[in-house]
């Protein structure tokens, strides 16, 4: 049985992807996130939940994920790690001035979105390399970036910088590891119908002193399809990228945002 690791697995895109992947009877999923209750709820919703694992880990902290992967209870020697969905991320405004203290928000967002994703890759790549010994010729990392890696928006310098930085990380790692059969790509979702998006729309509505419904309508107007994506749509793309029906996509940033960006 093969193993797939998902960070940010407690909600939204990560949870939806885990549910889709649990349809594969030969696959065990490692659910990683910070909220134990949320992870356990997702675990219970998976097919054959008894074969999967959930673990509360802050990926911004060095060494913790490494220790989990090396633990005998994780059992990657028997169930090789073949794919990683580095999906964890947070967002918040951080319009900086000398009196605001918003450098704390900058540090937190960069620490999780960029540094945490880098640490996720560094912790998992040795295990992906070992999977080749078990006959898995092609292995995968998919990183969740954002449509905001394509253009800037005001009040979001940390988030935009972190998601843009992930594209550079993908390109660098892909050039290093693709010849070994480890394909590394990013996906760029736009607005997705998740709790995180709802919270952000409410914040934007309050900032603009308008209703939630009005702000939602404004944001939908920026999307060519006129609607937010569903988490399951993003999960389906990840599932395809993890499949061995494709062995030539690497170092790419794949846009899936309803046409909000056309490049």
Protein backbone atom coordinates (compact mmCIF):
# COMPACT_ATOMS: atom_id res chain seq x y z
CA UNK A 1 0.00 0.00 0.00
CA UNK A 2 1.31 3.44 -0.94
CA UNK A 3 1.19 6.55 1.26
CA UNK A 4 0.18 10.12 0.39
CA UNK A 5 0.83 13.01 2.78
CA UNK A 6 -1.41 16.09 2.87
CA UNK A 7 -0.68 19.22 4.90
CA UNK A 8 -3.48 21.65 5.66
CA UNK A 9 -5.70 18.57 5.70
CA UNK A 10 -8.17 19.70 8.35
CA UNK A 11 -10.44 21.75 6.10
CA UNK A 12 -11.12 23.13 2.65
CA UNK A 13 -8.99 21.97 -0.25
CA UNK A 14 -6.88 19.62 1.85
CA UNK A 15 -9.89 17.84 3.33
CA UNK A 16 -11.65 17.55 -0.03
CA UNK A 17 -8.51 16.13 -1.64
CA UNK A 18 -8.11 13.59 1.14
CA UNK A 19 -11.67 12.37 0.61
CA UNK A 20 -11.12 11.98 -3.13
CA UNK A 21 -7.84 10.12 -2.67
CA UNK A 22 -9.31 7.79 -0.06
CA UNK A 23 -11.36 6.23 -2.89
CA UNK A 24 -8.13 4.55 -3.97
CA UNK A 25 -8.04 1.23 -2.15
CA UNK A 26 -4.24 0.97 -2.45
CA UNK A 27 -3.63 4.33 -0.77
CA UNK A 28 -3.06 5.33 2.84
CA UNK A 29 -3.27 9.03 3.69
CA UNK A 30 -1.33 10.98 6.32
CA UNK A 31 -3.41 13.98 7.37
CA UNK A 32 -1.30 16.84 8.74
CA UNK A 33 -2.62 20.06 10.26
CA UNK A 34 -2.66 22.12 13.43
CA UNK A 35 -6.20 21.47 14.68
CA UNK A 36 -6.60 17.96 16.07
CA UNK A 37 -10.41 18.06 16.18
CA UNK A 38 -10.65 19.12 12.54
CA UNK A 39 -8.19 16.45 11.46
CA UNK A 40 -10.10 13.75 13.32
CA UNK A 41 -13.36 14.82 11.66
CA UNK A 42 -11.75 14.56 8.24
CA UNK A 43 -10.22 11.21 9.17
CA UNK A 44 -13.64 9.87 10.15
CA UNK A 45 -15.06 11.00 6.79
CA UNK A 46 -12.54 9.02 4.73
CA UNK A 47 -13.21 5.63 3.26
CA UNK A 48 -11.62 2.96 5.44
CA UNK A 49 -10.57 5.49 8.10
CA UNK A 50 -8.75 2.83 10.09
CA UNK A 51 -5.91 2.67 7.55
CA UNK A 52 -5.18 6.41 7.53
CA UNK A 53 -3.36 8.57 10.10
CA UNK A 54 -3.96 12.10 11.41
CA UNK A 55 -1.30 14.09 13.23
CA UNK A 56 -1.25 17.63 14.59
CA UNK A 57 1.96 19.29 13.37
CA UNK A 58 2.96 22.92 12.89
CA UNK A 59 4.99 22.72 9.69
CA UNK A 60 6.70 26.04 10.45
CA UNK A 61 8.54 24.36 13.35
CA UNK A 62 11.74 22.60 12.27
CA UNK A 63 12.15 18.88 12.82
CA UNK A 64 8.64 17.92 13.93
CA UNK A 65 7.49 16.54 10.58
CA UNK A 66 10.84 14.77 10.16
CA UNK A 67 10.35 13.01 13.50
CA UNK A 68 6.81 11.96 12.60
CA UNK A 69 7.88 10.49 9.28
CA UNK A 70 10.73 8.58 10.92
CA UNK A 71 8.56 7.17 13.71
CA UNK A 72 7.93 3.44 13.43
CA UNK A 73 4.18 4.00 13.90
CA UNK A 74 4.09 5.98 10.64
CA UNK A 75 5.48 2.86 8.95
CA UNK A 76 6.80 4.35 5.72
CA UNK A 77 9.13 1.40 5.27
CA UNK A 78 6.15 -0.89 4.68
CA UNK A 79 3.91 1.73 3.01
CA UNK A 80 6.21 3.96 0.91
CA UNK A 81 5.54 7.68 0.59
CA UNK A 82 4.84 8.33 -3.09
CA UNK A 83 3.07 11.72 -3.18
CA UNK A 84 2.97 14.90 -1.11
CA UNK A 85 0.32 17.62 -1.24
CA UNK A 86 1.95 20.61 0.46
CA UNK A 87 -1.26 22.53 0.92
CA UNK A 88 -0.96 24.24 4.32
CA UNK A 89 -1.31 27.99 4.27
CA UNK A 90 -2.77 31.01 6.03
CA UNK A 91 -3.69 34.51 4.95
CA UNK A 92 -4.31 37.87 6.58
CA UNK A 93 -3.90 41.55 5.76
CA UNK A 94 -0.60 43.01 6.92
CA UNK A 95 -0.50 46.61 5.71
CA UNK A 96 2.65 47.70 7.51
CA UNK A 97 3.53 50.92 9.24
CA UNK A 98 6.03 51.58 12.02
CA UNK A 99 3.35 51.61 14.70
CA UNK A 100 1.21 48.65 13.67
CA UNK A 101 3.38 45.70 14.64
CA UNK A 102 2.30 43.97 11.45
CA UNK A 103 5.78 42.52 11.03
CA UNK A 104 4.49 39.76 13.35
CA UNK A 105 1.82 38.90 10.76
CA UNK A 106 4.47 38.95 8.04
CA UNK A 107 6.64 36.51 9.98
CA UNK A 108 3.72 34.15 10.65
CA UNK A 109 2.50 34.05 7.04
CA UNK A 110 5.97 33.64 5.55
CA UNK A 111 6.80 31.09 8.26
CA UNK A 112 3.89 28.82 7.40
CA UNK A 113 3.26 29.43 3.70
CA UNK A 114 6.82 29.60 2.42
CA UNK A 115 9.25 28.32 5.05
CA UNK A 116 6.81 25.66 6.25
CA UNK A 117 6.28 24.39 2.72
CA UNK A 118 10.03 24.33 2.13
CA UNK A 119 10.47 22.30 5.32
CA UNK A 120 7.68 19.96 4.22
CA UNK A 121 9.52 19.30 0.97
CA UNK A 122 12.87 18.80 2.67
CA UNK A 123 11.36 16.37 5.18
CA UNK A 124 9.53 14.30 2.58
CA UNK A 125 11.92 14.17 -0.37
CA UNK A 126 14.21 11.56 1.25
CA UNK A 127 11.17 9.31 1.73
CA UNK A 128 10.06 9.89 -1.86
CA UNK A 129 13.55 8.88 -2.96
CA UNK A 130 13.35 5.68 -0.90
CA UNK A 131 10.02 4.78 -2.53
CA UNK A 132 11.87 4.16 -5.79
CA UNK A 133 13.47 1.13 -4.13
CA UNK A 134 9.95 -0.30 -3.73
CA UNK A 135 9.23 0.03 -7.44
CA UNK A 136 7.59 3.46 -7.54
CA UNK A 137 9.31 5.01 -10.54
CA UNK A 138 7.38 8.30 -10.54
CA UNK A 139 6.64 10.25 -7.37
CA UNK A 140 5.02 13.63 -6.88
CA UNK A 141 4.92 16.85 -4.90
CA UNK A 142 2.12 19.34 -5.50
CA UNK A 143 2.28 22.70 -3.73
CA UNK A 144 -0.70 25.00 -3.25
CA UNK A 145 0.20 28.51 -4.38
CA UNK A 146 -2.47 31.04 -5.40
CA UNK A 147 -3.78 33.18 -8.21
CA UNK A 148 -2.21 36.01 -6.20
CA UNK A 149 1.19 34.68 -7.24
CA UNK A 150 0.26 36.09 -10.65
CA UNK A 151 -0.53 39.68 -9.64
CA UNK A 152 -0.37 41.98 -6.64
CA UNK A 153 -3.19 43.22 -4.47
CA UNK A 154 -3.10 45.92 -1.79
CA UNK A 155 -2.82 45.14 1.96
CA UNK A 156 -1.56 41.58 1.28
CA UNK A 157 2.24 41.85 0.87
CA UNK A 158 3.04 38.82 3.05
CA UNK A 159 0.50 36.53 1.40
CA UNK A 160 1.41 37.61 -2.14
CA UNK A 161 5.13 37.32 -1.41
CA UNK A 162 4.73 33.88 0.16
CA UNK A 163 2.67 32.47 -2.69
CA UNK A 164 4.94 33.97 -5.35
CA UNK A 165 7.95 32.55 -3.54
CA UNK A 166 6.43 29.08 -3.77
CA UNK A 167 6.64 29.24 -7.57
CA UNK A 168 10.38 29.81 -7.32
CA UNK A 169 10.65 26.95 -4.85
CA UNK A 170 8.84 24.63 -7.27
CA UNK A 171 11.07 25.56 -10.19
CA UNK A 172 14.25 25.10 -8.21
CA UNK A 173 13.25 21.75 -6.70
CA UNK A 174 11.91 20.48 -10.02
CA UNK A 175 15.21 21.14 -11.77
CA UNK A 176 16.99 19.21 -9.03
CA UNK A 177 14.76 16.17 -8.55
CA UNK A 178 12.78 15.55 -11.75
CA UNK A 179 15.52 13.38 -13.28
CA UNK A 180 15.08 11.10 -10.27
CA UNK A 181 11.40 10.73 -11.13
CA UNK A 182 10.09 13.17 -8.52
CA UNK A 183 7.76 15.57 -10.35
CA UNK A 184 7.14 18.85 -8.54
CA UNK A 185 4.40 21.32 -9.46
CA UNK A 186 2.31 24.14 -8.05
CA UNK A 187 -1.39 24.85 -8.41
CA UNK A 188 -2.83 28.35 -8.36
CA UNK A 189 -6.42 28.37 -7.08
CA UNK A 190 -8.41 31.57 -7.04
CA UNK A 191 -11.45 32.03 -4.85
CA UNK A 192 -12.56 28.62 -3.55
CA UNK A 193 -15.76 27.96 -1.64
CA UNK A 194 -14.15 27.28 1.76
CA UNK A 195 -14.47 28.56 5.31
CA UNK A 196 -11.22 30.49 4.82
CA UNK A 197 -12.71 32.32 1.83
CA UNK A 198 -15.91 33.11 3.73
CA UNK A 199 -13.93 34.63 6.59
CA UNK A 200 -11.90 36.75 4.19
CA UNK A 201 -14.99 38.00 2.33
CA UNK A 202 -16.52 39.02 5.67
CA UNK A 203 -13.33 40.90 6.59
CA UNK A 204 -13.33 42.70 3.25
CA UNK A 205 -17.00 43.58 3.64
CA UNK A 206 -16.36 45.07 7.07
CA UNK A 207 -13.37 47.04 5.78
CA UNK A 208 -15.49 48.47 2.94
CA UNK A 209 -18.57 48.96 5.16
CA UNK A 210 -20.79 46.90 2.85
CA UNK A 211 -22.77 43.70 3.31
CA UNK A 212 -21.25 40.24 2.92
CA UNK A 213 -23.57 39.58 -0.02
CA UNK A 214 -22.46 42.75 -1.82
CA UNK A 215 -18.78 41.96 -1.33
CA UNK A 216 -19.33 38.39 -2.50
CA UNK A 217 -20.97 39.71 -5.67
CA UNK A 218 -18.03 42.04 -6.29
CA UNK A 219 -15.49 39.24 -5.90
CA UNK A 220 -17.47 36.88 -8.12
CA UNK A 221 -17.48 39.57 -10.81
CA UNK A 222 -13.68 39.29 -11.03
CA UNK A 223 -13.96 35.60 -11.96
CA UNK A 224 -14.66 34.87 -15.63
CA UNK A 225 -16.94 31.95 -14.77
CA UNK A 226 -18.83 34.18 -12.33
CA UNK A 227 -18.47 31.76 -9.42
CA UNK A 228 -16.01 30.42 -6.88
CA UNK A 229 -14.39 27.04 -7.45
CA UNK A 230 -15.36 24.10 -5.25
CA UNK A 231 -12.69 22.36 -3.14
CA UNK A 232 -13.41 19.08 -4.90
CA UNK A 233 -12.43 20.65 -8.24
CA UNK A 234 -9.00 21.48 -6.85
CA UNK A 235 -8.75 18.02 -5.35
CA UNK A 236 -9.52 16.44 -8.71
CA UNK A 237 -6.60 18.31 -10.28
CA UNK A 238 -4.28 17.14 -7.51
CA UNK A 239 -5.51 13.57 -7.97
CA UNK A 240 -4.69 13.78 -11.68
CA UNK A 241 -1.23 15.20 -11.03
CA UNK A 242 -0.57 12.35 -8.60
CA UNK A 243 -1.61 9.77 -11.18
CA UNK A 244 0.94 8.12 -13.38
CA UNK A 245 -1.16 8.87 -16.44
CA UNK A 246 1.11 11.90 -16.68
CA UNK A 247 4.87 11.73 -16.29
CA UNK A 248 5.93 14.92 -18.08
CA UNK A 249 4.44 17.76 -16.03
CA UNK A 250 7.03 19.23 -13.70
CA UNK A 251 8.19 22.67 -12.61
CA UNK A 252 4.83 24.14 -13.60
CA UNK A 253 2.32 26.46 -11.95
CA UNK A 254 -1.12 25.29 -13.05
CA UNK A 255 -3.88 27.89 -12.84
CA UNK A 256 -7.30 26.72 -11.67
CA UNK A 257 -9.18 29.89 -10.82
CA UNK A 258 -12.20 30.24 -13.07
CA UNK A 259 -10.32 32.47 -15.48
CA UNK A 260 -9.52 35.12 -12.89
CA UNK A 261 -6.03 35.03 -14.37
CA UNK A 262 -5.29 34.22 -17.99
CA UNK A 263 -1.59 34.09 -18.69
